[in-house]
Amino acid sequence: MSDIIAVFENQQKRDTVVFIDTNPSFSNYTQAGIIAANRLIIPCTADYASIRGVYNVFYRVFGIADANGRTKETELVSFSSKAGDAGLVLPKIHSFVLNKSRSHERKASMAYTEHMREIRKVVLSLSKRHRSCFDARKGTYIFNVKDGNTLSAVLNYNGQALSGLQDKFYQIYDGTVRVNTSQSEPLLKDLAALMRLF
């Protein structure tokens, strides 16, 4: 995967950012993606599983025991030690992206807000204790991004770029779905804030 990215980058006439989208299962494919990457963007949703997932990134990728007392001797954390033995450099954490659900008042629900506060608290604590796992820039590592909802379905089905969405109906299988700029503009704005750091 690293070789493929290098070839792609060498063919471009400008700086290139390559995103590798992996599943969270920590399969061989996910591990290959992690090794090929320079930085990690970790998506989170408004649930306890995402809080556990934050700890699991540190545990599985970096071999750092979490708050529940796991130890570094278990098989799950052999990834970091084997990467080190092979002379591979692990990526740094770039950001945690919170999929920000909004009500019709465009504010996050109370339940979401409480999960968001806890994720922020966990990330702040980990960034202080394990600074070497994060990239060197200053500022926040947590970003709120409006959820895609209908937009995601339209983009996936049509192979459409988010920036190219128009205020109209789009086909999905045998039906049509209405898209308007009030849906896409907040998402584009949130993503722009994240992309400025690349």
Foldseek 3Di string as FASTA:
>chain_A
DLVVVVVVCVPDPDGDDDDDDDDLPPDPVVLVVQLSDQEDEAEAELDVVRVVVVQVCCCQQVVDHDPVDDHSPDPSNVSNVVCVVVVGDGHAYQAYEYAAEADPVRHGDPSSVVSVVVSQVSVVVCCVVPVVRHDDDDDHRYFYAHHLVVVVQQCVQVVDDLVPDDQAWGDDVPDIDGDHVVRSVRRVVRVVVSVVVD
